[in-house]
């Protein structure tokens, strides 16, 4: 079906440079990229950790999203928490791996270190994200969908101004290192993930650099700019 349709299309839109390159090489067509980037939002009345009943004496990590699924790194992250006694992990959202994460958390007796919250409206979710010290996105390179993924959580972390630790997937790495707003893991070994988190959060100078760079990244990576690509395509038919 794809082979019969693509060569006939006048305009094709996809969500990342890597996917666009695959289609262009395969079918010899020009593919536009429109990423799923949120608009700049002014959230009033930012709540404190105390307001949210979050501990003020711990480093807070966050993994959020509606697709917290199997083989996206959450399993290893939960295991990593047994080496991070002074940290709290917030897992906010839904996905098919959540039940097994809760079971594993109970088995490791990590209920005080890992909190599970259900899906939240944007304004509510933002309050937790902005109070975190580090945003996590740890998808594995197990299939093309994950390999070239550009998850919404990445941009949510950027707009909340929190540094990012990610797996070294091509599109995610490109953004992190272009704007210098975080770093990547070398592998998914739980001990390595824990060591990486601890090292990052002890380096105040580096964290401050990343936080400054996040301000620029949030301005540059917004729907206010991204929508221009879509508008140019639609203007042909106005």
C-alpha atoms as a PDB file:
ATOM      1  CA  UNK A   1       0.000   0.000   0.000  1.00  0.00           C
ATOM      2  CA  UNK A   2       2.761   2.410   0.970  1.00  0.00           C
ATOM      3  CA  UNK A   3       4.721   1.761  -2.249  1.00  0.00           C
ATOM      4  CA  UNK A   4       1.681   2.449  -4.382  1.00  0.00           C
ATOM      5  CA  UNK A   5       0.663   5.624  -2.575  1.00  0.00           C
ATOM      6  CA  UNK A   6       3.876   7.488  -1.682  1.00  0.00           C
ATOM      7  CA  UNK A   7       5.181   8.295  -5.192  1.00  0.00           C
ATOM      8  CA  UNK A   8       1.841   9.957  -5.993  1.00  0.00           C
ATOM      9  CA  UNK A   9       1.781  12.258  -2.984  1.00  0.00           C
ATOM     10  CA  UNK A  10       2.435  15.962  -3.479  1.00  0.00           C
ATOM     11  CA  UNK A  11       3.068  16.711   0.198  1.00  0.00           C
ATOM     12  CA  UNK A  12       4.229  14.339   2.910  1.00  0.00           C
ATOM     13  CA  UNK A  13       4.631  15.306   6.561  1.00  0.00           C
ATOM     14  CA  UNK A  14       6.319  13.259   9.262  1.00  0.00           C
ATOM     15  CA  UNK A  15       7.549  13.800  12.802  1.00  0.00           C
ATOM     16  CA  UNK A  16      11.357  13.576  12.715  1.00  0.00           C
ATOM     17  CA  UNK A  17      14.337  14.104  10.415  1.00  0.00           C
ATOM     18  CA  UNK A  18      15.325  10.432  10.548  1.00  0.00           C
ATOM     19  CA  UNK A  19      11.931   9.225   9.339  1.00  0.00           C
ATOM     20  CA  UNK A  20      11.884  11.916   6.656  1.00  0.00           C
ATOM     21  CA  UNK A  21      15.272  10.731   5.378  1.00  0.00           C
ATOM     22  CA  UNK A  22      14.060   7.117   5.149  1.00  0.00           C
ATOM     23  CA  UNK A  23      11.007   8.084   3.087  1.00  0.00           C
ATOM     24  CA  UNK A  24      13.004  10.452   0.876  1.00  0.00           C
ATOM     25  CA  UNK A  25      15.611   7.806   0.063  1.00  0.00           C
ATOM     26  CA  UNK A  26      13.027   5.084  -0.461  1.00  0.00           C
ATOM     27  CA  UNK A  27      10.597   6.996  -2.659  1.00  0.00           C
ATOM     28  CA  UNK A  28      12.561  10.000  -3.957  1.00  0.00           C
ATOM     29  CA  UNK A  29      10.099  12.530  -2.589  1.00  0.00           C
ATOM     30  CA  UNK A  30      10.460  15.663  -0.484  1.00  0.00           C
ATOM     31  CA  UNK A  31       9.245  15.038   3.071  1.00  0.00           C
ATOM     32  CA  UNK A  32       8.526  17.867   5.485  1.00  0.00           C
ATOM     33  CA  UNK A  33       9.105  17.520   9.220  1.00  0.00           C
ATOM     34  CA  UNK A  34       6.625  18.901  11.742  1.00  0.00           C
ATOM     35  CA  UNK A  35       7.540  17.802  15.244  1.00  0.00           C
ATOM     36  CA  UNK A  36       4.985  17.367  18.008  1.00  0.00           C
ATOM     37  CA  UNK A  37       6.242  20.312  20.041  1.00  0.00           C
ATOM     38  CA  UNK A  38       4.016  22.082  22.583  1.00  0.00           C
ATOM     39  CA  UNK A  39       3.272  25.802  22.438  1.00  0.00           C
ATOM     40  CA  UNK A  40       4.800  28.219  24.904  1.00  0.00           C
ATOM     41  CA  UNK A  41       2.483  28.340  27.888  1.00  0.00           C
ATOM     42  CA  UNK A  42       2.467  30.738  30.793  1.00  0.00           C
ATOM     43  CA  UNK A  43       1.528  28.680  33.827  1.00  0.00           C
ATOM     44  CA  UNK A  44       0.479  30.897  36.679  1.00  0.00           C
ATOM     45  CA  UNK A  45       0.813  30.035  40.341  1.00  0.00           C
ATOM     46  CA  UNK A  46       3.610  27.485  40.240  1.00  0.00           C
ATOM     47  CA  UNK A  47       3.197  25.198  43.233  1.00  0.00           C
ATOM     48  CA  UNK A  48       6.023  24.368  45.594  1.00  0.00           C
ATOM     49  CA  UNK A  49       7.094  20.889  46.610  1.00  0.00           C
ATOM     50  CA  UNK A  50       5.347  21.477  49.902  1.00  0.00           C
ATOM     51  CA  UNK A  51       2.102  22.290  48.068  1.00  0.00           C
ATOM     52  CA  UNK A  52       2.402  18.990  46.183  1.00  0.00           C
ATOM     53  CA  UNK A  53       3.386  16.977  49.271  1.00  0.00           C
ATOM     54  CA  UNK A  54       6.764  16.238  47.735  1.00  0.00           C
ATOM     55  CA  UNK A  55       9.875  15.882  49.909  1.00  0.00           C
ATOM     56  CA  UNK A  56      12.069  18.967  50.032  1.00  0.00           C
ATOM     57  CA  UNK A  57      15.176  17.071  51.125  1.00  0.00           C
ATOM     58  CA  UNK A  58      15.444  14.638  48.182  1.00  0.00           C
ATOM     59  CA  UNK A  59      16.497  14.841  44.567  1.00  0.00           C
ATOM     60  CA  UNK A  60      13.419  14.232  42.450  1.00  0.00           C
ATOM     61  CA  UNK A  61      13.489  12.281  39.180  1.00  0.00           C
ATOM     62  CA  UNK A  62      10.534  12.131  36.810  1.00  0.00           C
ATOM     63  CA  UNK A  63       9.397   9.728  34.125  1.00  0.00           C
ATOM     64  CA  UNK A  64       6.148  10.830  32.544  1.00  0.00           C
ATOM     65  CA  UNK A  65       3.950  10.050  29.572  1.00  0.00           C
ATOM     66  CA  UNK A  66       0.948   8.149  28.296  1.00  0.00           C
ATOM     67  CA  UNK A  67       3.149   5.494  26.668  1.00  0.00           C
ATOM     68  CA  UNK A  68       5.198   4.137  29.561  1.00  0.00           C
ATOM     69  CA  UNK A  69       5.391   0.745  27.931  1.00  0.00           C
ATOM     70  CA  UNK A  70       7.424  -2.443  27.957  1.00  0.00           C
ATOM     71  CA  UNK A  71      11.029  -2.139  26.737  1.00  0.00           C
ATOM     72  CA  UNK A  72      11.152   1.641  27.079  1.00  0.00           C
ATOM     73  CA  UNK A  73      13.670   1.634  29.917  1.00  0.00           C
ATOM     74  CA  UNK A  74      11.253   1.973  32.836  1.00  0.00           C
ATOM     75  CA  UNK A  75      11.997  -1.529  34.109  1.00  0.00           C
ATOM     76  CA  UNK A  76      15.724  -0.792  34.464  1.00  0.00           C
ATOM     77  CA  UNK A  77      14.992   2.602  35.971  1.00  0.00           C
ATOM     78  CA  UNK A  78      12.946   1.011  38.758  1.00  0.00           C
ATOM     79  CA  UNK A  79      15.786  -1.434  39.437  1.00  0.00           C
ATOM     80  CA  UNK A  80      18.244   1.483  39.476  1.00  0.00           C
ATOM     81  CA  UNK A  81      16.358   3.108  42.344  1.00  0.00           C
ATOM     82  CA  UNK A  82      17.660   0.506  44.810  1.00  0.00           C
ATOM     83  CA  UNK A  83      21.034   2.280  44.504  1.00  0.00           C
ATOM     84  CA  UNK A  84      19.598   5.798  44.949  1.00  0.00           C
ATOM     85  CA  UNK A  85      18.476   6.022  48.546  1.00  0.00           C
ATOM     86  CA  UNK A  86      18.308   9.821  48.699  1.00  0.00           C
ATOM     87  CA  UNK A  87      16.259  10.178  45.516  1.00  0.00           C
ATOM     88  CA  UNK A  88      12.557  10.026  44.704  1.00  0.00           C
ATOM     89  CA  UNK A  89      11.268   8.808  41.343  1.00  0.00           C
ATOM     90  CA  UNK A  90       7.894  10.055  40.134  1.00  0.00           C
ATOM     91  CA  UNK A  91       6.283   7.850  37.486  1.00  0.00           C
ATOM     92  CA  UNK A  92       3.361   9.844  36.120  1.00  0.00           C
ATOM     93  CA  UNK A  93       1.065   8.616  33.379  1.00  0.00           C
ATOM     94  CA  UNK A  94       0.008   5.300  31.933  1.00  0.00           C
ATOM     95  CA  UNK A  95       1.188   2.398  29.833  1.00  0.00           C
ATOM     96  CA  UNK A  96       1.281  -1.376  29.636  1.00  0.00           C
ATOM     97  CA  UNK A  97       4.342  -1.744  31.875  1.00  0.00           C
ATOM     98  CA  UNK A  98       2.913   0.149  34.872  1.00  0.00           C
ATOM     99  CA  UNK A  99       1.451  -2.935  36.658  1.00  0.00           C
ATOM    100  CA  UNK A 100       4.774  -4.808  36.497  1.00  0.00           C
ATOM    101  CA  UNK A 101       6.646  -1.676  37.629  1.00  0.00           C
ATOM    102  CA  UNK A 102       4.430  -1.450  40.693  1.00  0.00           C
ATOM    103  CA  UNK A 103       4.971  -5.136  41.412  1.00  0.00           C
ATOM    104  CA  UNK A 104       8.751  -4.782  41.052  1.00  0.00           C
ATOM    105  CA  UNK A 105       8.725  -1.691  43.284  1.00  0.00           C
ATOM    106  CA  UNK A 106       6.957  -3.679  45.979  1.00  0.00           C
ATOM    107  CA  UNK A 107       9.349  -6.631  45.619  1.00  0.00           C
ATOM    108  CA  UNK A 108      12.359  -4.329  46.079  1.00  0.00           C
ATOM    109  CA  UNK A 109      10.636  -2.507  48.968  1.00  0.00           C
ATOM    110  CA  UNK A 110      11.036   0.817  47.158  1.00  0.00           C
ATOM    111  CA  UNK A 111       7.553   2.189  47.820  1.00  0.00           C
ATOM    112  CA  UNK A 112       8.988   5.218  49.615  1.00  0.00           C
ATOM    113  CA  UNK A 113      11.386   5.940  46.746  1.00  0.00           C
ATOM    114  CA  UNK A 114       9.066   5.420  43.774  1.00  0.00           C
ATOM    115  CA  UNK A 115       5.677   7.109  43.584  1.00  0.00           C
ATOM    116  CA  UNK A 116       3.132   6.297  40.884  1.00  0.00           C
ATOM    117  CA  UNK A 117       0.649   8.958  39.831  1.00  0.00           C
ATOM    118  CA  UNK A 118      -2.089   8.553  37.204  1.00  0.00           C
ATOM    119  CA  UNK A 119      -2.373  10.594  34.010  1.00  0.00           C
ATOM    120  CA  UNK A 120      -2.710  14.307  34.689  1.00  0.00           C
ATOM    121  CA  UNK A 121      -4.085  17.295  32.832  1.00  0.00           C
ATOM    122  CA  UNK A 122      -1.261  19.435  31.433  1.00  0.00           C
ATOM    123  CA  UNK A 123      -1.491  22.120  34.125  1.00  0.00           C
ATOM    124  CA  UNK A 124      -1.349  19.534  36.898  1.00  0.00           C
ATOM    125  CA  UNK A 125       1.447  17.506  35.290  1.00  0.00           C
ATOM    126  CA  UNK A 126       3.532  20.632  34.736  1.00  0.00           C
ATOM    127  CA  UNK A 127       3.488  21.382  38.461  1.00  0.00           C
ATOM    128  CA  UNK A 128       5.227  18.078  39.173  1.00  0.00           C
ATOM    129  CA  UNK A 129       7.617  18.333  36.228  1.00  0.00           C
ATOM    130  CA  UNK A 130       8.843  21.808  37.101  1.00  0.00           C
ATOM    131  CA  UNK A 131       9.602  20.646  40.658  1.00  0.00           C
ATOM    132  CA  UNK A 132      11.802  17.757  39.477  1.00  0.00           C
ATOM    133  CA  UNK A 133      15.592  17.865  39.292  1.00  0.00           C
ATOM    134  CA  UNK A 134      15.983  15.551  36.294  1.00  0.00           C
ATOM    135  CA  UNK A 135      13.718  14.368  33.488  1.00  0.00           C
ATOM    136  CA  UNK A 136      14.155  10.836  32.140  1.00  0.00           C
ATOM    137  CA  UNK A 137      13.443   9.298  28.741  1.00  0.00           C
ATOM    138  CA  UNK A 138      15.094   5.899  28.385  1.00  0.00           C
ATOM    139  CA  UNK A 139      13.566   4.195  25.341  1.00  0.00           C
ATOM    140  CA  UNK A 140      15.492   1.248  23.948  1.00  0.00           C
ATOM    141  CA  UNK A 141      16.623   0.755  20.364  1.00  0.00           C
ATOM    142  CA  UNK A 142      14.540  -2.394  19.932  1.00  0.00           C
ATOM    143  CA  UNK A 143      12.597  -1.385  16.814  1.00  0.00           C
ATOM    144  CA  UNK A 144      12.362   1.400  14.232  1.00  0.00           C
ATOM    145  CA  UNK A 145       9.531   3.089  16.108  1.00  0.00           C
ATOM    146  CA  UNK A 146      11.642   3.514  19.246  1.00  0.00           C
ATOM    147  CA  UNK A 147      14.908   4.123  17.363  1.00  0.00           C
ATOM    148  CA  UNK A 148      13.608   7.240  15.672  1.00  0.00           C
ATOM    149  CA  UNK A 149      11.220   8.333  18.410  1.00  0.00           C
ATOM    150  CA  UNK A 150      10.938  11.913  19.568  1.00  0.00           C
ATOM    151  CA  UNK A 151       8.705  11.605  22.654  1.00  0.00           C
ATOM    152  CA  UNK A 152       6.506  14.394  23.917  1.00  0.00           C
ATOM    153  CA  UNK A 153       8.071  14.107  27.361  1.00  0.00           C
ATOM    154  CA  UNK A 154      11.367  15.428  25.967  1.00  0.00           C
ATOM    155  CA  UNK A 155       9.742  18.740  25.066  1.00  0.00           C
ATOM    156  CA  UNK A 156       7.728  18.798  28.282  1.00  0.00           C
ATOM    157  CA  UNK A 157      10.975  18.586  30.256  1.00  0.00           C
ATOM    158  CA  UNK A 158      12.498  21.351  28.139  1.00  0.00           C
ATOM    159  CA  UNK A 159       9.542  23.664  28.692  1.00  0.00           C
ATOM    160  CA  UNK A 160       9.627  22.935  32.423  1.00  0.00           C
ATOM    161  CA  UNK A 161      13.324  23.879  32.501  1.00  0.00           C
ATOM    162  CA  UNK A 162      14.672  20.603  33.898  1.00  0.00           C
ATOM    163  CA  UNK A 163      17.832  18.857  32.601  1.00  0.00           C
ATOM    164  CA  UNK A 164      17.411  15.548  30.793  1.00  0.00           C
ATOM    165  CA  UNK A 165      18.976  12.100  30.986  1.00  0.00           C
ATOM    166  CA  UNK A 166      18.112   9.994  27.953  1.00  0.00           C
ATOM    167  CA  UNK A 167      19.049   6.884  26.042  1.00  0.00           C
ATOM    168  CA  UNK A 168      21.265   7.702  23.038  1.00  0.00           C
ATOM    169  CA  UNK A 169      18.575   7.483  20.364  1.00  0.00           C
ATOM    170  CA  UNK A 170      19.378   9.575  17.326  1.00  0.00           C
ATOM    171  CA  UNK A 171      16.621  12.210  17.400  1.00  0.00           C
ATOM    172  CA  UNK A 172      16.644  12.642  21.170  1.00  0.00           C
ATOM    173  CA  UNK A 173      20.458  12.882  21.294  1.00  0.00           C
ATOM    174  CA  UNK A 174      20.437  15.456  18.511  1.00  0.00           C
ATOM    175  CA  UNK A 175      18.266  17.818  20.524  1.00  0.00           C
ATOM    176  CA  UNK A 176      20.022  17.225  23.842  1.00  0.00           C
ATOM    177  CA  UNK A 177      23.503  17.871  22.471  1.00  0.00           C
ATOM    178  CA  UNK A 178      22.541  20.630  20.023  1.00  0.00           C
ATOM    179  CA  UNK A 179      21.160  22.714  22.875  1.00  0.00           C
ATOM    180  CA  UNK A 180      23.442  21.241  25.601  1.00  0.00           C
ATOM    181  CA  UNK A 181      20.592  20.526  28.007  1.00  0.00           C
ATOM    182  CA  UNK A 182      21.511  17.108  29.391  1.00  0.00           C
ATOM    183  CA  UNK A 183      23.276  13.883  28.540  1.00  0.00           C
ATOM    184  CA  UNK A 184      22.731  10.229  27.666  1.00  0.00           C
ATOM    185  CA  UNK A 185      23.316   6.854  29.266  1.00  0.00           C
ATOM    186  CA  UNK A 186      25.808   4.378  27.803  1.00  0.00           C
ATOM    187  CA  UNK A 187      23.645   1.318  28.419  1.00  0.00           C
ATOM    188  CA  UNK A 188      20.574   0.158  30.315  1.00  0.00           C
ATOM    189  CA  UNK A 189      22.324  -1.584  33.189  1.00  0.00           C
ATOM    190  CA  UNK A 190      20.498  -0.392  36.345  1.00  0.00           C
ATOM    191  CA  UNK A 191      23.744   0.266  38.223  1.00  0.00           C
ATOM    192  CA  UNK A 192      25.034   2.388  35.347  1.00  0.00           C
ATOM    193  CA  UNK A 193      21.787   4.376  35.250  1.00  0.00           C
ATOM    194  CA  UNK A 194      21.983   4.977  39.001  1.00  0.00           C
ATOM    195  CA  UNK A 195      25.634   6.068  38.811  1.00  0.00           C
ATOM    196  CA  UNK A 196      24.846   8.399  35.928  1.00  0.00           C
ATOM    197  CA  UNK A 197      21.971  10.021  37.808  1.00  0.00           C
ATOM    198  CA  UNK A 198      24.068  10.468  40.949  1.00  0.00           C
ATOM    199  CA  UNK A 199      26.989  11.962  39.027  1.00  0.00           C
ATOM    200  CA  UNK A 200      24.749  14.410  37.172  1.00  0.00           C
ATOM    201  CA  UNK A 201      22.950  15.662  40.262  1.00  0.00           C
ATOM    202  CA  UNK A 202      26.197  16.220  42.173  1.00  0.00           C
ATOM    203  CA  UNK A 203      27.618  18.476  39.446  1.00  0.00           C
ATOM    204  CA  UNK A 204      25.981  21.814  40.255  1.00  0.00           C
ATOM    205  CA  UNK A 205      28.056  23.767  37.736  1.00  0.00           C
ATOM    206  CA  UNK A 206      26.981  21.559  34.851  1.00  0.00           C
ATOM    207  CA  UNK A 207      23.375  21.590  35.996  1.00  0.00           C
ATOM    208  CA  UNK A 208      23.365  25.380  36.050  1.00  0.00           C
ATOM    209  CA  UNK A 209      24.741  25.508  32.495  1.00  0.00           C
ATOM    210  CA  UNK A 210      22.059  23.111  31.297  1.00  0.00           C
ATOM    211  CA  UNK A 211      19.326  25.107  33.045  1.00  0.00           C
ATOM    212  CA  UNK A 212      20.437  28.312  31.333  1.00  0.00           C
ATOM    213  CA  UNK A 213      20.510  26.551  27.975  1.00  0.00           C
ATOM    214  CA  UNK A 214      17.039  25.149  28.595  1.00  0.00           C
ATOM    215  CA  UNK A 215      15.643  28.692  28.567  1.00  0.00           C
ATOM    216  CA  UNK A 216      16.847  29.179  25.000  1.00  0.00           C
ATOM    217  CA  UNK A 217      15.790  25.675  23.966  1.00  0.00           C
ATOM    218  CA  UNK A 218      12.244  26.292  25.241  1.00  0.00           C
ATOM    219  CA  UNK A 219      12.018  29.474  23.190  1.00  0.00           C
ATOM    220  CA  UNK A 220      13.380  27.834  20.058  1.00  0.00           C
ATOM    221  CA  UNK A 221      11.523  24.537  20.359  1.00  0.00           C
ATOM    222  CA  UNK A 222       7.920  25.683  20.504  1.00  0.00           C
ATOM    223  CA  UNK A 223       4.817  25.208  18.401  1.00  0.00           C
ATOM    224  CA  UNK A 224       4.848  28.955  17.776  1.00  0.00           C
ATOM    225  CA  UNK A 225       7.776  28.327  15.403  1.00  0.00           C
ATOM    226  CA  UNK A 226       7.059  24.746  14.349  1.00  0.00           C
ATOM    227  CA  UNK A 227       3.605  25.603  13.007  1.00  0.00           C
ATOM    228  CA  UNK A 228       5.127  27.816  10.299  1.00  0.00           C
ATOM    229  CA  UNK A 229       6.189  24.691   8.380  1.00  0.00           C
ATOM    230  CA  UNK A 230       2.627  23.406   8.390  1.00  0.00           C
ATOM    231  CA  UNK A 231       1.218  26.788   7.390  1.00  0.00           C
ATOM    232  CA  UNK A 232       3.500  26.973   4.335  1.00  0.00           C
ATOM    233  CA  UNK A 233       2.227  23.592   3.152  1.00  0.00           C
ATOM    234  CA  UNK A 234      -1.411  24.554   3.656  1.00  0.00           C
ATOM    235  CA  UNK A 235      -1.000  27.947   1.954  1.00  0.00           C
ATOM    236  CA  UNK A 236      -0.585  26.173  -1.387  1.00  0.00           C
ATOM    237  CA  UNK A 237      -4.236  25.184  -1.157  1.00  0.00           C
ATOM    238  CA  UNK A 238      -5.685  28.394   0.279  1.00  0.00           C
END
